[in-house]
N, C-alpha and C. Protein backbone atom coordinates (compact mmCIF):
# COMPACT_ATOMS: atom_id res chain seq x y z
N UNK A 1 25.30 0.47 -23.21
CA UNK A 1 24.45 -0.48 -22.49
C UNK A 1 23.29 -0.89 -23.38
N UNK A 2 23.06 -2.19 -23.50
CA UNK A 2 21.92 -2.66 -24.26
C UNK A 2 20.64 -2.33 -23.49
N UNK A 3 19.52 -2.34 -24.18
CA UNK A 3 18.27 -1.97 -23.53
C UNK A 3 17.91 -3.03 -22.47
N UNK A 4 17.62 -2.60 -21.25
CA UNK A 4 17.42 -3.54 -20.16
C UNK A 4 16.07 -4.24 -20.21
N UNK A 5 16.05 -5.40 -19.57
CA UNK A 5 14.82 -6.18 -19.37
C UNK A 5 14.55 -6.16 -17.87
N UNK A 6 13.51 -5.42 -17.49
CA UNK A 6 13.27 -5.12 -16.08
C UNK A 6 11.92 -5.66 -15.65
N UNK A 7 11.89 -6.27 -14.47
CA UNK A 7 10.65 -6.66 -13.83
C UNK A 7 10.47 -5.77 -12.60
N UNK A 8 9.32 -5.11 -12.50
CA UNK A 8 9.04 -4.23 -11.37
C UNK A 8 7.96 -4.88 -10.50
N UNK A 9 8.29 -5.09 -9.22
CA UNK A 9 7.38 -5.73 -8.28
C UNK A 9 6.97 -4.75 -7.19
N UNK A 10 5.75 -4.89 -6.72
CA UNK A 10 5.28 -4.05 -5.63
C UNK A 10 3.78 -4.18 -5.47
N UNK A 11 3.32 -3.93 -4.26
CA UNK A 11 1.89 -4.04 -3.95
C UNK A 11 1.10 -2.93 -4.63
N UNK A 12 -0.23 -3.06 -4.70
CA UNK A 12 -1.05 -1.94 -5.18
C UNK A 12 -0.75 -0.68 -4.39
N UNK A 13 -0.52 0.43 -5.09
CA UNK A 13 -0.21 1.67 -4.41
C UNK A 13 1.27 1.92 -4.18
N UNK A 14 2.12 0.97 -4.56
CA UNK A 14 3.56 1.12 -4.31
C UNK A 14 4.23 2.09 -5.27
N UNK A 15 3.57 2.42 -6.36
CA UNK A 15 4.14 3.37 -7.32
C UNK A 15 4.70 2.72 -8.57
N UNK A 16 4.27 1.51 -8.87
CA UNK A 16 4.80 0.81 -10.04
C UNK A 16 4.50 1.55 -11.34
N UNK A 17 3.30 2.10 -11.46
CA UNK A 17 2.95 2.79 -12.69
C UNK A 17 3.83 4.00 -12.94
N UNK A 18 4.06 4.80 -11.90
CA UNK A 18 4.90 5.99 -12.03
C UNK A 18 6.33 5.62 -12.41
N UNK A 19 6.90 4.65 -11.70
CA UNK A 19 8.28 4.28 -11.96
C UNK A 19 8.44 3.53 -13.28
N UNK A 20 7.46 2.75 -13.65
CA UNK A 20 7.52 2.06 -14.95
C UNK A 20 7.57 3.05 -16.09
N UNK A 21 6.76 4.11 -16.01
CA UNK A 21 6.76 5.14 -17.06
C UNK A 21 8.13 5.81 -17.16
N UNK A 22 8.75 6.06 -16.02
CA UNK A 22 10.07 6.69 -16.03
C UNK A 22 11.13 5.75 -16.62
N UNK A 23 11.04 4.47 -16.27
CA UNK A 23 11.97 3.49 -16.82
C UNK A 23 11.83 3.43 -18.33
N UNK A 24 10.58 3.40 -18.80
CA UNK A 24 10.31 3.33 -20.23
C UNK A 24 10.91 4.54 -20.95
N UNK A 25 10.71 5.73 -20.39
CA UNK A 25 11.21 6.95 -21.02
C UNK A 25 12.74 7.03 -20.97
N UNK A 26 13.32 6.71 -19.83
CA UNK A 26 14.76 6.86 -19.63
C UNK A 26 15.57 5.89 -20.47
N UNK A 27 15.11 4.64 -20.54
CA UNK A 27 15.90 3.59 -21.20
C UNK A 27 15.36 3.22 -22.57
N UNK A 28 14.26 3.83 -22.99
CA UNK A 28 13.71 3.57 -24.33
C UNK A 28 13.18 2.17 -24.51
N UNK A 29 12.53 1.65 -23.46
CA UNK A 29 12.00 0.28 -23.52
C UNK A 29 10.48 0.31 -23.45
N UNK A 30 9.86 -0.80 -23.84
CA UNK A 30 8.41 -0.91 -23.80
C UNK A 30 7.93 -1.11 -22.36
N UNK A 31 6.83 -0.46 -22.01
CA UNK A 31 6.16 -0.68 -20.72
C UNK A 31 5.06 -1.69 -20.97
N UNK A 32 5.23 -2.89 -20.42
CA UNK A 32 4.29 -3.98 -20.68
C UNK A 32 3.54 -4.30 -19.40
N UNK A 33 2.22 -4.15 -19.45
CA UNK A 33 1.37 -4.54 -18.33
C UNK A 33 0.46 -5.68 -18.80
N UNK A 34 0.01 -6.48 -17.85
CA UNK A 34 -0.87 -7.59 -18.19
C UNK A 34 -2.15 -7.08 -18.85
N UNK A 35 -2.73 -6.03 -18.27
CA UNK A 35 -3.98 -5.50 -18.80
C UNK A 35 -3.84 -5.01 -20.23
N UNK A 36 -2.77 -4.25 -20.50
CA UNK A 36 -2.55 -3.75 -21.85
C UNK A 36 -2.32 -4.89 -22.83
N UNK A 37 -1.53 -5.89 -22.39
CA UNK A 37 -1.23 -7.03 -23.27
C UNK A 37 -2.51 -7.80 -23.59
N UNK A 38 -3.37 -7.98 -22.61
CA UNK A 38 -4.63 -8.67 -22.84
C UNK A 38 -5.51 -7.90 -23.81
N UNK A 39 -5.63 -6.60 -23.57
CA UNK A 39 -6.49 -5.79 -24.45
C UNK A 39 -5.97 -5.77 -25.88
N UNK A 40 -4.64 -5.76 -26.03
CA UNK A 40 -4.06 -5.72 -27.37
C UNK A 40 -4.18 -7.05 -28.10
N UNK A 41 -4.44 -8.12 -27.34
CA UNK A 41 -4.49 -9.46 -27.95
C UNK A 41 -5.81 -10.16 -27.67
N UNK A 42 -6.90 -9.38 -27.58
CA UNK A 42 -8.20 -9.98 -27.30
C UNK A 42 -8.60 -11.02 -28.33
N UNK A 43 -8.17 -10.81 -29.57
CA UNK A 43 -8.57 -11.72 -30.64
C UNK A 43 -7.59 -12.84 -30.92
N UNK A 44 -6.57 -13.00 -30.10
CA UNK A 44 -5.55 -14.03 -30.31
C UNK A 44 -6.18 -15.43 -30.31
N UNK A 45 -5.79 -16.26 -31.25
CA UNK A 45 -6.35 -17.61 -31.36
C UNK A 45 -5.71 -18.51 -30.31
N UNK A 46 -6.53 -18.94 -29.34
CA UNK A 46 -6.05 -19.84 -28.29
C UNK A 46 -6.82 -21.16 -28.30
N UNK A 47 -7.42 -21.47 -29.45
CA UNK A 47 -8.26 -22.67 -29.53
C UNK A 47 -7.49 -23.94 -29.22
N UNK A 48 -6.19 -23.95 -29.55
CA UNK A 48 -5.40 -25.16 -29.32
C UNK A 48 -5.17 -25.44 -27.83
N UNK A 49 -5.45 -24.45 -26.97
CA UNK A 49 -5.27 -24.66 -25.54
C UNK A 49 -6.46 -25.40 -24.92
N UNK A 50 -7.56 -25.50 -25.65
CA UNK A 50 -8.66 -26.33 -25.21
C UNK A 50 -9.60 -25.71 -24.20
N UNK A 51 -9.67 -24.38 -24.12
CA UNK A 51 -10.58 -23.73 -23.19
C UNK A 51 -11.95 -23.53 -23.83
N UNK A 52 -12.90 -23.05 -23.03
CA UNK A 52 -14.26 -22.86 -23.55
C UNK A 52 -14.34 -21.73 -24.56
N UNK A 53 -13.38 -20.80 -24.51
CA UNK A 53 -13.35 -19.70 -25.46
C UNK A 53 -12.13 -19.84 -26.37
N UNK A 54 -12.28 -19.38 -27.60
CA UNK A 54 -11.18 -19.49 -28.57
C UNK A 54 -10.28 -18.27 -28.60
N UNK A 55 -10.66 -17.22 -27.86
CA UNK A 55 -9.84 -16.00 -27.79
C UNK A 55 -9.85 -15.51 -26.34
N UNK A 56 -8.83 -14.75 -25.93
CA UNK A 56 -8.85 -14.15 -24.60
C UNK A 56 -10.05 -13.24 -24.39
N UNK A 57 -10.49 -12.59 -25.46
CA UNK A 57 -11.63 -11.70 -25.36
C UNK A 57 -12.89 -12.39 -24.89
N UNK A 58 -13.01 -13.69 -25.15
CA UNK A 58 -14.17 -14.43 -24.68
C UNK A 58 -14.27 -14.43 -23.17
N UNK A 59 -13.15 -14.65 -22.50
CA UNK A 59 -13.13 -14.60 -21.04
C UNK A 59 -13.43 -13.19 -20.54
N UNK A 60 -12.80 -12.21 -21.18
CA UNK A 60 -12.95 -10.82 -20.74
C UNK A 60 -14.38 -10.34 -20.91
N UNK A 61 -15.00 -10.66 -22.03
CA UNK A 61 -16.37 -10.22 -22.29
C UNK A 61 -17.37 -10.91 -21.36
N UNK A 62 -17.01 -12.13 -20.92
CA UNK A 62 -17.89 -12.87 -20.01
C UNK A 62 -17.64 -12.50 -18.55
N UNK A 63 -16.66 -11.62 -18.32
CA UNK A 63 -16.35 -11.21 -16.96
C UNK A 63 -15.62 -12.27 -16.16
N UNK A 64 -14.97 -13.20 -16.84
CA UNK A 64 -14.25 -14.26 -16.17
C UNK A 64 -12.75 -13.97 -16.15
N UNK A 65 -12.05 -14.52 -15.16
CA UNK A 65 -10.60 -14.39 -15.11
C UNK A 65 -9.98 -15.13 -16.28
N UNK A 66 -9.02 -14.51 -16.92
CA UNK A 66 -8.29 -15.16 -18.01
C UNK A 66 -7.31 -16.15 -17.39
N UNK A 67 -7.35 -17.43 -17.79
CA UNK A 67 -6.48 -18.45 -17.18
C UNK A 67 -5.00 -18.13 -17.33
N UNK A 68 -4.22 -18.62 -16.37
CA UNK A 68 -2.78 -18.37 -16.38
C UNK A 68 -2.14 -18.77 -17.70
N UNK A 69 -2.56 -19.91 -18.25
CA UNK A 69 -1.93 -20.39 -19.48
C UNK A 69 -2.11 -19.38 -20.62
N UNK A 70 -3.26 -18.73 -20.65
CA UNK A 70 -3.52 -17.73 -21.69
C UNK A 70 -2.72 -16.46 -21.42
N UNK A 71 -2.72 -16.01 -20.19
CA UNK A 71 -1.95 -14.82 -19.82
C UNK A 71 -0.48 -15.03 -20.13
N UNK A 72 0.03 -16.21 -19.80
CA UNK A 72 1.44 -16.52 -20.07
C UNK A 72 1.78 -16.35 -21.54
N UNK A 73 0.97 -16.92 -22.40
CA UNK A 73 1.25 -16.86 -23.83
C UNK A 73 1.19 -15.43 -24.36
N UNK A 74 0.24 -14.65 -23.87
CA UNK A 74 0.10 -13.28 -24.32
C UNK A 74 1.29 -12.43 -23.88
N UNK A 75 1.69 -12.58 -22.62
CA UNK A 75 2.81 -11.79 -22.11
C UNK A 75 4.10 -12.16 -22.83
N UNK A 76 4.33 -13.44 -23.03
CA UNK A 76 5.56 -13.87 -23.72
C UNK A 76 5.58 -13.35 -25.15
N UNK A 77 4.42 -13.32 -25.81
CA UNK A 77 4.34 -12.75 -27.16
C UNK A 77 4.72 -11.27 -27.14
N UNK A 78 4.21 -10.54 -26.13
CA UNK A 78 4.54 -9.11 -26.02
C UNK A 78 6.02 -8.91 -25.76
N UNK A 79 6.61 -9.74 -24.91
CA UNK A 79 8.04 -9.62 -24.62
C UNK A 79 8.89 -9.92 -25.85
N UNK A 80 8.44 -10.89 -26.64
CA UNK A 80 9.19 -11.26 -27.83
C UNK A 80 9.22 -10.17 -28.88
N UNK A 81 8.22 -9.29 -28.84
CA UNK A 81 8.15 -8.19 -29.81
C UNK A 81 8.83 -6.92 -29.31
N UNK A 82 9.38 -6.97 -28.09
CA UNK A 82 9.94 -5.77 -27.47
C UNK A 82 11.47 -5.79 -27.51
N UNK A 83 12.05 -4.62 -27.76
CA UNK A 83 13.50 -4.43 -27.67
C UNK A 83 13.79 -3.81 -26.31
N UNK A 84 13.88 -4.65 -25.29
CA UNK A 84 13.95 -4.17 -23.92
C UNK A 84 12.56 -3.89 -23.40
N UNK A 85 12.36 -4.04 -22.09
CA UNK A 85 11.02 -3.84 -21.54
C UNK A 85 11.09 -3.60 -20.03
N UNK A 86 10.00 -3.02 -19.52
CA UNK A 86 9.74 -3.03 -18.09
C UNK A 86 8.39 -3.71 -17.92
N UNK A 87 8.38 -4.78 -17.17
CA UNK A 87 7.20 -5.62 -16.99
C UNK A 87 6.56 -5.27 -15.65
N UNK A 88 5.28 -4.93 -15.71
CA UNK A 88 4.57 -4.40 -14.54
C UNK A 88 3.25 -5.16 -14.38
N UNK A 89 3.08 -5.85 -13.25
CA UNK A 89 1.84 -6.58 -12.99
C UNK A 89 1.88 -8.05 -13.35
N UNK A 90 3.01 -8.54 -13.75
CA UNK A 90 3.21 -9.95 -14.09
C UNK A 90 4.67 -10.28 -13.80
N UNK A 91 4.96 -11.41 -13.18
CA UNK A 91 4.07 -12.51 -12.79
C UNK A 91 3.35 -12.24 -11.47
N UNK A 92 2.15 -12.78 -11.35
CA UNK A 92 1.34 -12.59 -10.15
C UNK A 92 1.43 -13.78 -9.20
N UNK A 93 1.99 -14.89 -9.64
CA UNK A 93 2.13 -16.05 -8.76
C UNK A 93 3.38 -16.82 -9.16
N UNK A 94 3.74 -17.79 -8.36
CA UNK A 94 5.01 -18.49 -8.56
C UNK A 94 5.00 -19.29 -9.85
N UNK A 95 3.84 -19.80 -10.24
CA UNK A 95 3.77 -20.57 -11.50
C UNK A 95 4.09 -19.67 -12.69
N UNK A 96 3.55 -18.45 -12.69
CA UNK A 96 3.86 -17.52 -13.76
C UNK A 96 5.33 -17.13 -13.74
N UNK A 97 5.90 -16.97 -12.55
CA UNK A 97 7.32 -16.61 -12.44
C UNK A 97 8.20 -17.70 -13.04
N UNK A 98 7.88 -18.95 -12.76
CA UNK A 98 8.67 -20.06 -13.29
C UNK A 98 8.53 -20.14 -14.81
N UNK A 99 7.32 -19.87 -15.31
CA UNK A 99 7.11 -19.85 -16.76
C UNK A 99 7.95 -18.74 -17.40
N UNK A 100 7.96 -17.56 -16.77
CA UNK A 100 8.73 -16.44 -17.29
C UNK A 100 10.21 -16.77 -17.32
N UNK A 101 10.71 -17.40 -16.27
CA UNK A 101 12.13 -17.74 -16.19
C UNK A 101 12.57 -18.63 -17.35
N UNK A 102 11.67 -19.48 -17.81
CA UNK A 102 12.00 -20.41 -18.88
C UNK A 102 12.10 -19.72 -20.23
N UNK A 103 11.55 -18.51 -20.33
CA UNK A 103 11.42 -17.89 -21.65
C UNK A 103 12.16 -16.57 -21.82
N UNK A 104 12.66 -16.00 -20.75
CA UNK A 104 13.45 -14.78 -20.88
C UNK A 104 14.38 -14.64 -19.69
N UNK A 105 15.45 -13.90 -19.89
CA UNK A 105 16.38 -13.63 -18.81
C UNK A 105 16.25 -12.16 -18.41
N UNK A 106 16.01 -11.92 -17.15
CA UNK A 106 15.80 -10.56 -16.65
C UNK A 106 17.13 -9.95 -16.22
N UNK A 107 17.33 -8.68 -16.59
CA UNK A 107 18.52 -7.97 -16.14
C UNK A 107 18.35 -7.44 -14.73
N UNK A 108 17.16 -6.96 -14.41
CA UNK A 108 16.91 -6.36 -13.11
C UNK A 108 15.51 -6.70 -12.64
N UNK A 109 15.41 -7.10 -11.38
CA UNK A 109 14.12 -7.32 -10.71
C UNK A 109 14.07 -6.34 -9.55
N UNK A 110 13.22 -5.32 -9.67
CA UNK A 110 13.18 -4.23 -8.69
C UNK A 110 11.90 -4.34 -7.88
N UNK A 111 12.06 -4.46 -6.57
CA UNK A 111 10.89 -4.46 -5.69
C UNK A 111 10.76 -3.11 -5.01
N UNK A 112 9.57 -2.50 -5.11
CA UNK A 112 9.27 -1.27 -4.39
C UNK A 112 8.64 -1.65 -3.06
N UNK A 113 9.39 -1.47 -1.96
CA UNK A 113 8.93 -1.88 -0.64
C UNK A 113 8.24 -0.72 0.06
N UNK A 114 6.97 -0.92 0.41
CA UNK A 114 6.17 0.11 1.07
C UNK A 114 5.36 -0.58 2.17
N UNK A 115 5.29 0.03 3.35
CA UNK A 115 4.56 -0.58 4.47
C UNK A 115 3.06 -0.62 4.17
N UNK A 116 2.37 -1.55 4.85
CA UNK A 116 0.94 -1.69 4.61
C UNK A 116 0.19 -0.41 4.98
N UNK A 117 0.56 0.22 6.10
CA UNK A 117 -0.16 1.42 6.51
C UNK A 117 0.02 2.55 5.50
N UNK A 118 1.22 2.67 4.95
CA UNK A 118 1.44 3.69 3.91
C UNK A 118 0.62 3.38 2.66
N UNK A 119 0.54 2.11 2.29
CA UNK A 119 -0.25 1.72 1.13
C UNK A 119 -1.73 2.03 1.34
N UNK A 120 -2.22 1.75 2.55
CA UNK A 120 -3.62 2.04 2.86
C UNK A 120 -3.88 3.54 2.76
N UNK A 121 -2.96 4.35 3.31
CA UNK A 121 -3.12 5.81 3.22
C UNK A 121 -3.16 6.28 1.77
N UNK A 122 -2.26 5.73 0.96
CA UNK A 122 -2.20 6.15 -0.44
C UNK A 122 -3.48 5.79 -1.18
N UNK A 123 -3.94 4.57 -0.99
CA UNK A 123 -5.07 4.08 -1.79
C UNK A 123 -6.41 4.63 -1.31
N UNK A 124 -6.59 4.74 0.00
CA UNK A 124 -7.87 5.25 0.50
C UNK A 124 -7.99 6.75 0.28
N UNK A 125 -6.85 7.44 0.09
CA UNK A 125 -6.89 8.87 -0.15
C UNK A 125 -7.07 9.25 -1.61
N UNK A 126 -7.13 8.26 -2.47
CA UNK A 126 -7.27 8.55 -3.90
C UNK A 126 -8.70 9.02 -4.22
N UNK A 127 -8.80 10.03 -5.07
CA UNK A 127 -10.09 10.52 -5.53
C UNK A 127 -10.04 10.62 -7.06
N UNK A 128 -11.13 10.27 -7.70
CA UNK A 128 -11.16 10.26 -9.16
C UNK A 128 -12.33 11.10 -9.67
N UNK A 129 -12.15 11.60 -10.89
CA UNK A 129 -13.22 12.35 -11.55
C UNK A 129 -14.06 11.36 -12.37
N UNK A 130 -15.35 11.26 -12.09
CA UNK A 130 -16.20 10.32 -12.84
C UNK A 130 -16.45 10.74 -14.27
N UNK A 131 -16.13 12.00 -14.59
CA UNK A 131 -16.41 12.51 -15.93
C UNK A 131 -15.21 12.33 -16.87
N UNK A 132 -14.01 12.79 -16.43
CA UNK A 132 -12.87 12.77 -17.35
C UNK A 132 -11.77 11.79 -16.93
N UNK A 133 -11.90 11.20 -15.73
CA UNK A 133 -10.94 10.19 -15.32
C UNK A 133 -9.69 10.70 -14.62
N UNK A 134 -9.55 12.01 -14.41
CA UNK A 134 -8.39 12.55 -13.70
C UNK A 134 -8.34 11.99 -12.28
N UNK A 135 -7.12 11.77 -11.78
CA UNK A 135 -6.95 11.19 -10.45
C UNK A 135 -6.22 12.18 -9.54
N UNK A 136 -6.67 12.24 -8.30
CA UNK A 136 -6.08 13.13 -7.30
C UNK A 136 -5.85 12.35 -6.00
N UNK A 137 -5.28 13.03 -5.01
CA UNK A 137 -5.11 12.43 -3.69
C UNK A 137 -5.35 13.50 -2.65
N UNK A 138 -5.99 13.12 -1.54
CA UNK A 138 -6.36 14.10 -0.53
C UNK A 138 -5.14 14.73 0.15
N UNK A 139 -3.97 14.08 0.07
CA UNK A 139 -2.76 14.63 0.67
C UNK A 139 -1.70 15.01 -0.36
N UNK A 140 -1.45 14.10 -1.32
CA UNK A 140 -0.28 14.25 -2.17
C UNK A 140 -0.53 14.99 -3.48
N UNK A 141 -1.77 15.02 -3.93
CA UNK A 141 -2.05 15.61 -5.24
C UNK A 141 -3.46 16.20 -5.22
N UNK A 142 -3.62 17.29 -4.48
CA UNK A 142 -4.92 17.88 -4.27
C UNK A 142 -5.33 18.76 -5.45
N UNK A 143 -6.63 18.80 -5.77
CA UNK A 143 -7.10 19.75 -6.80
C UNK A 143 -7.06 21.17 -6.26
N UNK A 144 -7.15 22.14 -7.14
CA UNK A 144 -7.12 23.54 -6.71
C UNK A 144 -8.28 23.86 -5.77
N UNK A 145 -9.46 23.33 -6.09
CA UNK A 145 -10.63 23.48 -5.22
C UNK A 145 -10.96 22.11 -4.65
N UNK A 146 -11.03 22.02 -3.33
CA UNK A 146 -11.24 20.74 -2.67
C UNK A 146 -12.47 20.02 -3.21
N UNK A 147 -12.27 18.76 -3.63
CA UNK A 147 -13.37 17.93 -4.07
C UNK A 147 -13.86 18.19 -5.48
N UNK A 148 -13.16 19.07 -6.22
CA UNK A 148 -13.62 19.44 -7.57
C UNK A 148 -12.49 19.22 -8.57
N UNK A 149 -12.80 18.59 -9.69
CA UNK A 149 -11.80 18.30 -10.71
C UNK A 149 -11.29 19.57 -11.37
N UNK A 150 -9.96 19.71 -11.44
CA UNK A 150 -9.37 20.87 -12.10
C UNK A 150 -9.69 20.90 -13.59
N UNK A 151 -9.82 19.74 -14.20
CA UNK A 151 -9.96 19.66 -15.66
C UNK A 151 -11.36 19.99 -16.15
N UNK A 152 -12.38 19.46 -15.45
CA UNK A 152 -13.74 19.61 -15.99
C UNK A 152 -14.75 20.14 -14.97
N UNK A 153 -14.35 20.30 -13.71
CA UNK A 153 -15.25 20.88 -12.73
C UNK A 153 -16.22 19.92 -12.08
N UNK A 154 -16.12 18.62 -12.40
CA UNK A 154 -17.03 17.64 -11.80
C UNK A 154 -16.61 17.35 -10.35
N UNK A 155 -17.58 16.88 -9.55
CA UNK A 155 -17.28 16.51 -8.17
C UNK A 155 -16.50 15.19 -8.16
N UNK A 156 -15.42 15.17 -7.37
CA UNK A 156 -14.59 13.98 -7.28
C UNK A 156 -15.24 12.93 -6.39
N UNK A 157 -14.94 11.66 -6.68
CA UNK A 157 -15.52 10.55 -5.92
C UNK A 157 -14.41 9.59 -5.49
N UNK A 158 -14.75 8.75 -4.53
CA UNK A 158 -13.85 7.67 -4.12
C UNK A 158 -14.35 6.37 -4.75
N UNK A 159 -13.45 5.65 -5.41
CA UNK A 159 -13.83 4.39 -6.01
C UNK A 159 -14.19 3.38 -4.94
N UNK A 160 -15.12 2.48 -5.26
CA UNK A 160 -15.55 1.47 -4.30
C UNK A 160 -14.40 0.60 -3.83
N UNK A 161 -13.43 0.34 -4.72
CA UNK A 161 -12.32 -0.52 -4.33
C UNK A 161 -11.20 0.25 -3.63
N UNK A 162 -11.44 1.53 -3.28
CA UNK A 162 -10.47 2.31 -2.53
C UNK A 162 -10.89 2.54 -1.08
N UNK A 163 -11.96 1.87 -0.62
CA UNK A 163 -12.31 1.94 0.79
C UNK A 163 -11.31 1.12 1.60
N UNK A 164 -11.14 1.44 2.89
CA UNK A 164 -10.11 0.77 3.69
C UNK A 164 -10.31 -0.74 3.74
N UNK A 165 -11.55 -1.19 3.93
CA UNK A 165 -11.79 -2.63 4.01
C UNK A 165 -11.37 -3.33 2.73
N UNK A 166 -11.73 -2.75 1.59
CA UNK A 166 -11.40 -3.36 0.31
C UNK A 166 -9.91 -3.31 0.05
N UNK A 167 -9.28 -2.19 0.39
CA UNK A 167 -7.83 -2.05 0.19
C UNK A 167 -7.07 -3.10 0.99
N UNK A 168 -7.45 -3.27 2.25
CA UNK A 168 -6.73 -4.26 3.08
C UNK A 168 -6.91 -5.67 2.54
N UNK A 169 -8.08 -5.97 1.99
CA UNK A 169 -8.29 -7.29 1.40
C UNK A 169 -7.44 -7.45 0.15
N UNK A 170 -7.34 -6.38 -0.67
CA UNK A 170 -6.48 -6.45 -1.86
C UNK A 170 -5.03 -6.70 -1.47
N UNK A 171 -4.58 -6.05 -0.41
CA UNK A 171 -3.20 -6.23 0.04
C UNK A 171 -2.99 -7.63 0.60
N UNK A 172 -4.00 -8.17 1.27
CA UNK A 172 -3.89 -9.54 1.77
C UNK A 172 -3.75 -10.54 0.62
N UNK A 173 -4.57 -10.37 -0.40
CA UNK A 173 -4.51 -11.26 -1.55
C UNK A 173 -3.17 -11.11 -2.27
N UNK A 174 -2.69 -9.87 -2.38
CA UNK A 174 -1.39 -9.65 -3.00
C UNK A 174 -0.31 -10.40 -2.25
N UNK A 175 -0.29 -10.25 -0.92
CA UNK A 175 0.74 -10.91 -0.12
C UNK A 175 0.67 -12.43 -0.28
N UNK A 176 -0.53 -12.95 -0.29
CA UNK A 176 -0.70 -14.40 -0.39
C UNK A 176 -0.19 -14.93 -1.72
N UNK A 177 -0.48 -14.22 -2.81
CA UNK A 177 -0.13 -14.72 -4.14
C UNK A 177 1.25 -14.28 -4.61
N UNK A 178 1.64 -13.05 -4.29
CA UNK A 178 2.80 -12.47 -4.93
C UNK A 178 4.05 -12.44 -4.05
N UNK A 179 3.90 -12.49 -2.73
CA UNK A 179 5.09 -12.56 -1.89
C UNK A 179 5.98 -13.76 -2.26
N UNK A 180 5.40 -14.93 -2.61
CA UNK A 180 6.27 -16.03 -3.06
C UNK A 180 7.08 -15.68 -4.31
N UNK A 181 6.54 -14.80 -5.17
CA UNK A 181 7.29 -14.35 -6.35
C UNK A 181 8.50 -13.52 -5.91
N UNK A 182 8.29 -12.66 -4.93
CA UNK A 182 9.40 -11.86 -4.41
C UNK A 182 10.47 -12.77 -3.81
N UNK A 183 10.05 -13.76 -3.03
CA UNK A 183 10.99 -14.72 -2.45
C UNK A 183 11.75 -15.47 -3.54
N UNK A 184 11.08 -15.73 -4.65
CA UNK A 184 11.67 -16.47 -5.76
C UNK A 184 12.87 -15.72 -6.35
N UNK A 185 12.76 -14.39 -6.43
CA UNK A 185 13.83 -13.59 -7.04
C UNK A 185 14.84 -13.05 -6.02
N UNK A 186 14.43 -12.92 -4.76
CA UNK A 186 15.32 -12.38 -3.75
C UNK A 186 16.58 -13.25 -3.64
N UNK A 187 17.72 -12.59 -3.57
CA UNK A 187 18.97 -13.33 -3.48
C UNK A 187 19.64 -13.58 -4.82
N UNK A 188 18.93 -13.33 -5.92
CA UNK A 188 19.55 -13.44 -7.24
C UNK A 188 20.32 -12.16 -7.54
N UNK A 189 21.23 -12.23 -8.49
CA UNK A 189 22.03 -11.05 -8.85
C UNK A 189 21.17 -9.92 -9.43
N UNK A 190 20.03 -10.29 -10.01
CA UNK A 190 19.17 -9.28 -10.65
C UNK A 190 18.34 -8.50 -9.64
N UNK A 191 18.19 -9.03 -8.44
CA UNK A 191 17.20 -8.49 -7.49
C UNK A 191 17.72 -7.27 -6.74
N UNK A 192 16.84 -6.27 -6.56
CA UNK A 192 17.14 -5.11 -5.72
C UNK A 192 15.85 -4.67 -5.04
N UNK A 193 15.95 -4.37 -3.75
CA UNK A 193 14.80 -3.86 -3.01
C UNK A 193 14.99 -2.37 -2.79
N UNK A 194 13.99 -1.59 -3.19
CA UNK A 194 14.05 -0.14 -3.11
C UNK A 194 13.01 0.35 -2.11
N UNK A 195 13.40 1.30 -1.26
CA UNK A 195 12.45 1.93 -0.35
C UNK A 195 11.50 2.79 -1.17
N UNK A 196 10.24 2.38 -1.22
CA UNK A 196 9.27 3.08 -2.06
C UNK A 196 8.50 4.17 -1.33
N UNK A 197 8.93 4.54 -0.12
CA UNK A 197 8.17 5.52 0.66
C UNK A 197 8.70 6.95 0.52
N UNK A 198 9.74 7.15 -0.27
CA UNK A 198 10.23 8.50 -0.53
C UNK A 198 9.37 9.20 -1.56
N UNK A 199 9.81 10.38 -1.98
CA UNK A 199 9.11 11.08 -3.06
C UNK A 199 9.33 10.31 -4.36
N UNK A 200 8.47 10.51 -5.35
CA UNK A 200 8.69 9.83 -6.64
C UNK A 200 10.08 10.07 -7.20
N UNK A 201 10.61 11.28 -7.04
CA UNK A 201 11.96 11.57 -7.55
C UNK A 201 13.03 10.81 -6.78
N UNK A 202 12.88 10.73 -5.45
CA UNK A 202 13.84 9.98 -4.64
C UNK A 202 13.83 8.50 -5.00
N UNK A 203 12.63 7.96 -5.14
CA UNK A 203 12.51 6.54 -5.50
C UNK A 203 13.13 6.31 -6.88
N UNK A 204 12.87 7.24 -7.80
CA UNK A 204 13.39 7.10 -9.16
C UNK A 204 14.90 7.04 -9.18
N UNK A 205 15.56 7.87 -8.40
CA UNK A 205 17.03 7.86 -8.38
C UNK A 205 17.54 6.49 -7.97
N UNK A 206 16.91 5.87 -7.00
CA UNK A 206 17.33 4.53 -6.55
C UNK A 206 17.02 3.47 -7.61
N UNK A 207 15.85 3.59 -8.24
CA UNK A 207 15.45 2.63 -9.27
C UNK A 207 16.41 2.71 -10.46
N UNK A 208 16.67 3.91 -10.93
CA UNK A 208 17.57 4.08 -12.07
C UNK A 208 18.96 3.53 -11.75
N UNK A 209 19.46 3.84 -10.56
CA UNK A 209 20.79 3.35 -10.18
C UNK A 209 20.85 1.84 -10.13
N UNK A 210 19.79 1.21 -9.61
CA UNK A 210 19.77 -0.25 -9.53
C UNK A 210 19.78 -0.89 -10.90
N UNK A 211 19.05 -0.30 -11.85
CA UNK A 211 19.02 -0.84 -13.22
C UNK A 211 20.38 -0.66 -13.88
N UNK A 212 20.95 0.54 -13.74
CA UNK A 212 22.25 0.80 -14.39
C UNK A 212 23.35 -0.11 -13.85
N UNK A 213 23.27 -0.50 -12.59
CA UNK A 213 24.27 -1.41 -12.02
C UNK A 213 24.14 -2.83 -12.56
N UNK A 214 22.92 -3.19 -13.00
CA UNK A 214 22.65 -4.59 -13.35
C UNK A 214 22.55 -4.83 -14.85
N UNK A 215 22.20 -3.82 -15.61
CA UNK A 215 21.94 -4.04 -17.04
C UNK A 215 23.23 -4.00 -17.84
């Protein structure tokens, strides 16, 4: 089997990061995320696109959203340098999906389906260490001592964007922008919907099987 080209779709908290890492390890492909691609190409010359900044880093340093046209070029560059890949976090809207379709053929499009209430539970229960960055969960991945980081002993905190109000707004924005992307791929031979509410191992078995059937 040649190295697969996989797109992984799912809302925040659906488990894309966990499953992407497993796909990368199992099939020997690059794990490409929008954030990583942007950081790796901050100095890319985009002057010919006619924006106010000549590099993606200009937008990032100014705290502005990087325009779709710039993100598109960076992601396509990353895909072109990869021998197989799992793409995580892109495309975020239908325009990006159509751009992607014109430049690469996907072997598998895997959607991790998780209910909103489960996503809220996962995200609001997350706790992070402000000192070393370790992440825990009040139900699924508890530290040995409640509220204290196993690695460095610092008190764990909840991120501002993990409060219920903020999480529900993030999920609303995701549905508004990205559900059309799911509709775009649903019904194609590459598409598979996986129940993302099982254990990571259970979800992985379904994800791996779906890729092996399609690649």
